[in-house]
């Protein structure tokens, strides 16, 4: 998944869910597992980063409300 797009967290979670389901399915092959694992790992890191950014945004908004 080297192509970068601006997907929402929900879209990324859905994509990660599909990858996890693939690992649990009858379609699983060792030949494809490394590539799929790397894709899942990259998605998970991206989701984690997005969630950190969202948390930071929420904290900024919360501070603004506390100042009012």
PDB file of N, CA and C in Angstrom:
ATOM      1  N   UNK A   1       0.828  -1.182   0.000  1.00  0.00           N
ATOM      2  CA  UNK A   1       0.000   0.000   0.000  1.00  0.00           C
ATOM      3  C   UNK A   1       0.871   1.242   0.000  1.00  0.00           C
ATOM      4  N   UNK A   2       1.638   1.396  -1.007  1.00  0.00           N
ATOM      5  CA  UNK A   2       2.544   2.526  -1.071  1.00  0.00           C
ATOM      6  C   UNK A   2       1.850   3.792  -1.558  1.00  0.00           C
ATOM      7  N   UNK A   3       0.671   3.665  -2.170  1.00  0.00           N
ATOM      8  CA  UNK A   3      -0.061   4.825  -2.640  1.00  0.00           C
ATOM      9  C   UNK A   3      -0.757   5.502  -1.467  1.00  0.00           C
ATOM     10  N   UNK A   4      -0.507   6.794  -1.285  1.00  0.00           N
ATOM     11  CA  UNK A   4      -1.081   7.555  -0.173  1.00  0.00           C
ATOM     12  C   UNK A   4      -2.370   8.237  -0.636  1.00  0.00           C
ATOM     13  N   UNK A   5      -3.417   8.045   0.119  1.00  0.00           N
ATOM     14  CA  UNK A   5      -4.669   8.739  -0.144  1.00  0.00           C
ATOM     15  C   UNK A   5      -5.201   9.266   1.174  1.00  0.00           C
ATOM     16  N   UNK A   6      -6.145  10.171   1.093  1.00  0.00           N
ATOM     17  CA  UNK A   6      -6.736  10.742   2.296  1.00  0.00           C
ATOM     18  C   UNK A   6      -8.013   9.992   2.652  1.00  0.00           C
ATOM     19  N   UNK A   7      -7.869   8.785   3.102  1.00  0.00           N
ATOM     20  CA  UNK A   7      -9.012   7.989   3.526  1.00  0.00           C
ATOM     21  C   UNK A   7      -9.363   8.351   4.962  1.00  0.00           C
ATOM     22  N   UNK A   8     -10.638   8.211   5.281  1.00  0.00           N
ATOM     23  CA  UNK A   8     -11.071   8.469   6.649  1.00  0.00           C
ATOM     24  C   UNK A   8     -10.630   7.316   7.548  1.00  0.00           C
ATOM     25  N   UNK A   9     -10.661   7.577   8.840  1.00  0.00           N
ATOM     26  CA  UNK A   9     -10.314   6.529   9.800  1.00  0.00           C
ATOM     27  C   UNK A   9     -11.263   5.346   9.625  1.00  0.00           C
ATOM     28  N   UNK A  10     -12.529   5.629   9.402  1.00  0.00           N
ATOM     29  CA  UNK A  10     -13.517   4.559   9.217  1.00  0.00           C
ATOM     30  C   UNK A  10     -13.194   3.706   7.997  1.00  0.00           C
ATOM     31  N   UNK A  11     -12.790   4.348   6.918  1.00  0.00           N
ATOM     32  CA  UNK A  11     -12.421   3.606   5.707  1.00  0.00           C
ATOM     33  C   UNK A  11     -11.182   2.745   5.950  1.00  0.00           C
ATOM     34  N   UNK A  12     -10.218   3.312   6.659  1.00  0.00           N
ATOM     35  CA  UNK A  12      -9.003   2.555   6.970  1.00  0.00           C
ATOM     36  C   UNK A  12      -9.312   1.369   7.880  1.00  0.00           C
ATOM     37  N   UNK A  13     -10.200   1.583   8.856  1.00  0.00           N
ATOM     38  CA  UNK A  13     -10.590   0.496   9.762  1.00  0.00           C
ATOM     39  C   UNK A  13     -11.288  -0.617   8.985  1.00  0.00           C
ATOM     40  N   UNK A  14     -12.139  -0.242   8.042  1.00  0.00           N
ATOM     41  CA  UNK A  14     -12.832  -1.237   7.223  1.00  0.00           C
ATOM     42  C   UNK A  14     -11.833  -2.027   6.383  1.00  0.00           C
ATOM     43  N   UNK A  15     -10.861  -1.332   5.813  1.00  0.00           N
ATOM     44  CA  UNK A  15      -9.836  -1.995   5.008  1.00  0.00           C
ATOM     45  C   UNK A  15      -9.003  -2.937   5.875  1.00  0.00           C
ATOM     46  N   UNK A  16      -8.650  -2.496   7.072  1.00  0.00           N
ATOM     47  CA  UNK A  16      -7.892  -3.340   7.995  1.00  0.00           C
ATOM     48  C   UNK A  16      -8.718  -4.564   8.388  1.00  0.00           C
ATOM     49  N   UNK A  17     -10.005  -4.363   8.608  1.00  0.00           N
ATOM     50  CA  UNK A  17     -10.893  -5.475   8.931  1.00  0.00           C
ATOM     51  C   UNK A  17     -10.928  -6.515   7.826  1.00  0.00           C
ATOM     52  N   UNK A  18     -10.918  -6.059   6.581  1.00  0.00           N
ATOM     53  CA  UNK A  18     -10.901  -6.989   5.443  1.00  0.00           C
ATOM     54  C   UNK A  18      -9.604  -7.790   5.416  1.00  0.00           C
ATOM     55  N   UNK A  19      -8.499  -7.126   5.732  1.00  0.00           N
ATOM     56  CA  UNK A  19      -7.217  -7.832   5.761  1.00  0.00           C
ATOM     57  C   UNK A  19      -7.193  -8.879   6.874  1.00  0.00           C
ATOM     58  N   UNK A  20      -7.696  -8.520   8.036  1.00  0.00           N
ATOM     59  CA  UNK A  20      -7.750  -9.469   9.155  1.00  0.00           C
ATOM     60  C   UNK A  20      -8.623 -10.657   8.775  1.00  0.00           C
ATOM     61  N   UNK A  21      -9.749 -10.386   8.137  1.00  0.00           N
ATOM     62  CA  UNK A  21     -10.643 -11.465   7.707  1.00  0.00           C
ATOM     63  C   UNK A  21      -9.944 -12.379   6.707  1.00  0.00           C
ATOM     64  N   UNK A  22      -9.113 -11.800   5.833  1.00  0.00           N
ATOM     65  CA  UNK A  22      -8.378 -12.609   4.859  1.00  0.00           C
ATOM     66  C   UNK A  22      -7.469 -13.605   5.579  1.00  0.00           C
ATOM     67  N   UNK A  23      -6.796 -13.153   6.636  1.00  0.00           N
ATOM     68  CA  UNK A  23      -5.907 -14.043   7.386  1.00  0.00           C
ATOM     69  C   UNK A  23      -6.670 -15.204   8.012  1.00  0.00           C
ATOM     70  N   UNK A  24      -7.934 -14.986   8.319  1.00  0.00           N
ATOM     71  CA  UNK A  24      -8.750 -16.021   8.953  1.00  0.00           C
ATOM     72  C   UNK A  24      -9.539 -16.846   7.940  1.00  0.00           C
ATOM     73  N   UNK A  25      -9.402 -16.528   6.660  1.00  0.00           N
ATOM     74  CA  UNK A  25     -10.211 -17.180   5.632  1.00  0.00           C
ATOM     75  C   UNK A  25      -9.482 -18.368   5.005  1.00  0.00           C
ATOM     76  N   UNK A  26     -10.217 -19.065   4.160  1.00  0.00           N
ATOM     77  CA  UNK A  26      -9.650 -20.177   3.399  1.00  0.00           C
ATOM     78  C   UNK A  26      -8.757 -19.688   2.265  1.00  0.00           C
ATOM     79  N   UNK A  27      -8.808 -18.392   1.949  1.00  0.00           N
ATOM     80  CA  UNK A  27      -7.982 -17.818   0.888  1.00  0.00           C
ATOM     81  C   UNK A  27      -6.540 -17.570   1.337  1.00  0.00           C
ATOM     82  N   UNK A  28      -6.276 -17.698   2.622  1.00  0.00           N
ATOM     83  CA  UNK A  28      -4.948 -17.445   3.187  1.00  0.00           C
ATOM     84  C   UNK A  28      -3.900 -18.321   2.518  1.00  0.00           C
ATOM     85  N   UNK A  29      -2.807 -17.696   2.078  1.00  0.00           N
ATOM     86  CA  UNK A  29      -1.645 -18.431   1.572  1.00  0.00           C
ATOM     87  C   UNK A  29      -0.391 -17.800   2.161  1.00  0.00           C
ATOM     88  N   UNK A  30       0.574 -18.630   2.435  1.00  0.00           N
ATOM     89  CA  UNK A  30       1.833 -18.114   2.980  1.00  0.00           C
ATOM     90  C   UNK A  30       2.516 -17.172   2.005  1.00  0.00           C
ATOM     91  N   UNK A  31       2.358 -17.445   0.719  1.00  0.00           N
ATOM     92  CA  UNK A  31       3.001 -16.616  -0.295  1.00  0.00           C
ATOM     93  C   UNK A  31       2.518 -15.166  -0.230  1.00  0.00           C
ATOM     94  N   UNK A  32       1.252 -14.979   0.063  1.00  0.00           N
ATOM     95  CA  UNK A  32       0.680 -13.632   0.112  1.00  0.00           C
ATOM     96  C   UNK A  32       0.692 -13.022   1.510  1.00  0.00           C
ATOM     97  N   UNK A  33       0.967 -13.824   2.511  1.00  0.00           N
ATOM     98  CA  UNK A  33       0.839 -13.382   3.902  1.00  0.00           C
ATOM     99  C   UNK A  33       1.770 -12.219   4.248  1.00  0.00           C
ATOM    100  N   UNK A  34       3.002 -12.258   3.792  1.00  0.00           N
ATOM    101  CA  UNK A  34       3.961 -11.194   4.128  1.00  0.00           C
ATOM    102  C   UNK A  34       3.479  -9.853   3.586  1.00  0.00           C
ATOM    103  N   UNK A  35       3.072  -9.842   2.332  1.00  0.00           N
ATOM    104  CA  UNK A  35       2.603  -8.598   1.718  1.00  0.00           C
ATOM    105  C   UNK A  35       1.356  -8.073   2.434  1.00  0.00           C
ATOM    106  N   UNK A  36       0.422  -8.954   2.729  1.00  0.00           N
ATOM    107  CA  UNK A  36      -0.813  -8.550   3.411  1.00  0.00           C
ATOM    108  C   UNK A  36      -0.501  -8.071   4.831  1.00  0.00           C
ATOM    109  N   UNK A  37       0.441  -8.733   5.495  1.00  0.00           N
ATOM    110  CA  UNK A  37       0.815  -8.319   6.848  1.00  0.00           C
ATOM    111  C   UNK A  37       1.422  -6.924   6.833  1.00  0.00           C
ATOM    112  N   UNK A  38       2.295  -6.673   5.874  1.00  0.00           N
ATOM    113  CA  UNK A  38       2.914  -5.342   5.769  1.00  0.00           C
ATOM    114  C   UNK A  38       1.861  -4.275   5.486  1.00  0.00           C
ATOM    115  N   UNK A  39       0.907  -4.600   4.639  1.00  0.00           N
ATOM    116  CA  UNK A  39      -0.176  -3.665   4.343  1.00  0.00           C
ATOM    117  C   UNK A  39      -0.999  -3.387   5.603  1.00  0.00           C
ATOM    118  N   UNK A  40      -1.302  -4.429   6.352  1.00  0.00           N
ATOM    119  CA  UNK A  40      -2.067  -4.276   7.594  1.00  0.00           C
ATOM    120  C   UNK A  40      -1.283  -3.457   8.613  1.00  0.00           C
ATOM    121  N   UNK A  41       0.009  -3.709   8.699  1.00  0.00           N
ATOM    122  CA  UNK A  41       0.850  -2.967   9.638  1.00  0.00           C
ATOM    123  C   UNK A  41       0.876  -1.475   9.290  1.00  0.00           C
ATOM    124  N   UNK A  42       1.010  -1.164   8.011  1.00  0.00           N
ATOM    125  CA  UNK A  42       1.026   0.233   7.571  1.00  0.00           C
ATOM    126  C   UNK A  42      -0.320   0.905   7.855  1.00  0.00           C
ATOM    127  N   UNK A  43      -1.401   0.188   7.606  1.00  0.00           N
ATOM    128  CA  UNK A  43      -2.732   0.726   7.898  1.00  0.00           C
ATOM    129  C   UNK A  43      -2.896   0.991   9.388  1.00  0.00           C
ATOM    130  N   UNK A  44      -2.469   0.051  10.207  1.00  0.00           N
ATOM    131  CA  UNK A  44      -2.592   0.201  11.662  1.00  0.00           C
ATOM    132  C   UNK A  44      -1.808   1.421  12.148  1.00  0.00           C
ATOM    133  N   UNK A  45      -0.616   1.617  11.614  1.00  0.00           N
ATOM    134  CA  UNK A  45       0.182   2.787  11.994  1.00  0.00           C
ATOM    135  C   UNK A  45      -0.501   4.081  11.560  1.00  0.00           C
ATOM    136  N   UNK A  46      -1.077   4.065  10.370  1.00  0.00           N
ATOM    137  CA  UNK A  46      -1.773   5.240   9.867  1.00  0.00           C
ATOM    138  C   UNK A  46      -3.000   5.557  10.719  1.00  0.00           C
ATOM    139  N   UNK A  47      -3.745   4.528  11.095  1.00  0.00           N
ATOM    140  CA  UNK A  47      -4.920   4.708  11.953  1.00  0.00           C
ATOM    141  C   UNK A  47      -4.498   5.270  13.302  1.00  0.00           C
ATOM    142  N   UNK A  48      -3.438   4.713  13.865  1.00  0.00           N
ATOM    143  CA  UNK A  48      -2.947   5.200  15.161  1.00  0.00           C
ATOM    144  C   UNK A  48      -2.565   6.676  15.074  1.00  0.00           C
ATOM    145  N   UNK A  49      -1.889   7.057  14.009  1.00  0.00           N
ATOM    146  CA  UNK A  49      -1.492   8.451  13.816  1.00  0.00           C
ATOM    147  C   UNK A  49      -2.720   9.352  13.669  1.00  0.00           C
ATOM    148  N   UNK A  50      -3.691   8.900  12.885  1.00  0.00           N
ATOM    149  CA  UNK A  50      -4.924   9.674  12.720  1.00  0.00           C
ATOM    150  C   UNK A  50      -5.629   9.872  14.056  1.00  0.00           C
ATOM    151  N   UNK A  51      -5.700   8.817  14.854  1.00  0.00           N
ATOM    152  CA  UNK A  51      -6.377   8.910  16.149  1.00  0.00           C
ATOM    153  C   UNK A  51      -5.645   9.854  17.101  1.00  0.00           C
ATOM    154  N   UNK A  52      -4.315   9.855  17.049  1.00  0.00           N
ATOM    155  CA  UNK A  52      -3.544  10.803  17.865  1.00  0.00           C
ATOM    156  C   UNK A  52      -3.854  12.235  17.448  1.00  0.00           C
ATOM    157  N   UNK A  53      -3.937  12.461  16.137  1.00  0.00           N
ATOM    158  CA  UNK A  53      -4.252  13.805  15.641  1.00  0.00           C
ATOM    159  C   UNK A  53      -5.652  14.234  16.057  1.00  0.00           C
ATOM    160  N   UNK A  54      -6.592  13.320  15.981  1.00  0.00           N
ATOM    161  CA  UNK A  54      -7.962  13.626  16.403  1.00  0.00           C
ATOM    162  C   UNK A  54      -7.994  13.959  17.890  1.00  0.00           C
ATOM    163  N   UNK A  55      -7.273  13.179  18.688  1.00  0.00           N
ATOM    164  CA  UNK A  55      -7.217  13.437  20.130  1.00  0.00           C
ATOM    165  C   UNK A  55      -6.633  14.818  20.406  1.00  0.00           C
ATOM    166  N   UNK A  56      -5.574  15.168  19.693  1.00  0.00           N
ATOM    167  CA  UNK A  56      -4.972  16.495  19.867  1.00  0.00           C
ATOM    168  C   UNK A  56      -5.956  17.598  19.496  1.00  0.00           C
ATOM    169  N   UNK A  57      -6.682  17.409  18.400  1.00  0.00           N
ATOM    170  CA  UNK A  57      -7.684  18.398  17.987  1.00  0.00           C
ATOM    171  C   UNK A  57      -8.760  18.559  19.055  1.00  0.00           C
ATOM    172  N   UNK A  58      -9.204  17.458  19.610  1.00  0.00           N
ATOM    173  CA  UNK A  58     -10.227  17.503  20.663  1.00  0.00           C
ATOM    174  C   UNK A  58      -9.705  18.255  21.879  1.00  0.00           C
ATOM    175  N   UNK A  59      -8.450  18.007  22.248  1.00  0.00           N
ATOM    176  CA  UNK A  59      -7.862  18.708  23.393  1.00  0.00           C
ATOM    177  C   UNK A  59      -7.782  20.211  23.154  1.00  0.00           C
ATOM    178  N   UNK A  60      -7.446  20.614  21.928  1.00  0.00           N
ATOM    179  CA  UNK A  60      -7.377  22.037  21.594  1.00  0.00           C
ATOM    180  C   UNK A  60      -8.762  22.661  21.708  1.00  0.00           C
ATOM    181  N   UNK A  61      -9.759  21.994  21.168  1.00  0.00           N
ATOM    182  CA  UNK A  61     -11.136  22.508  21.240  1.00  0.00           C
ATOM    183  C   UNK A  61     -11.600  22.586  22.687  1.00  0.00           C
ATOM    184  N   UNK A  62     -11.282  21.566  23.456  1.00  0.00           N
ATOM    185  CA  UNK A  62     -11.672  21.539  24.869  1.00  0.00           C
ATOM    186  C   UNK A  62     -11.049  22.713  25.625  1.00  0.00           C
ATOM    187  N   UNK A  63      -9.774  22.993  25.360  1.00  0.00           N
ATOM    188  CA  UNK A  63      -9.106  24.122  26.017  1.00  0.00           C
ATOM    189  C   UNK A  63      -9.777  25.440  25.653  1.00  0.00           C
ATOM    190  N   UNK A  64     -10.199  25.569  24.399  1.00  0.00           N
ATOM    191  CA  UNK A  64     -10.881  26.799  23.973  1.00  0.00           C
ATOM    192  C   UNK A  64     -12.184  26.980  24.742  1.00  0.00           C
ATOM    193  N   UNK A  65     -12.921  25.909  24.934  1.00  0.00           N
ATOM    194  CA  UNK A  65     -14.172  25.989  25.680  1.00  0.00           C
ATOM    195  C   UNK A  65     -13.917  26.291  27.154  1.00  0.00           C
ATOM    196  N   UNK A  66     -12.840  25.758  27.691  1.00  0.00           N
ATOM    197  CA  UNK A  66     -12.511  26.022  29.093  1.00  0.00           C
ATOM    198  C   UNK A  66     -12.141  27.484  29.320  1.00  0.00           C
ATOM    199  N   UNK A  67     -11.614  28.140  28.287  1.00  0.00           N
ATOM    200  CA  UNK A  67     -11.216  29.544  28.394  1.00  0.00           C
ATOM    201  C   UNK A  67     -12.411  30.481  28.323  1.00  0.00           C
ATOM    202  N   UNK A  68     -13.505  30.021  27.780  1.00  0.00           N
ATOM    203  CA  UNK A  68     -14.687  30.886  27.587  1.00  0.00           C
ATOM    204  C   UNK A  68     -15.441  31.085  28.841  1.00  0.00           C
TER     205      UNK A  68
END
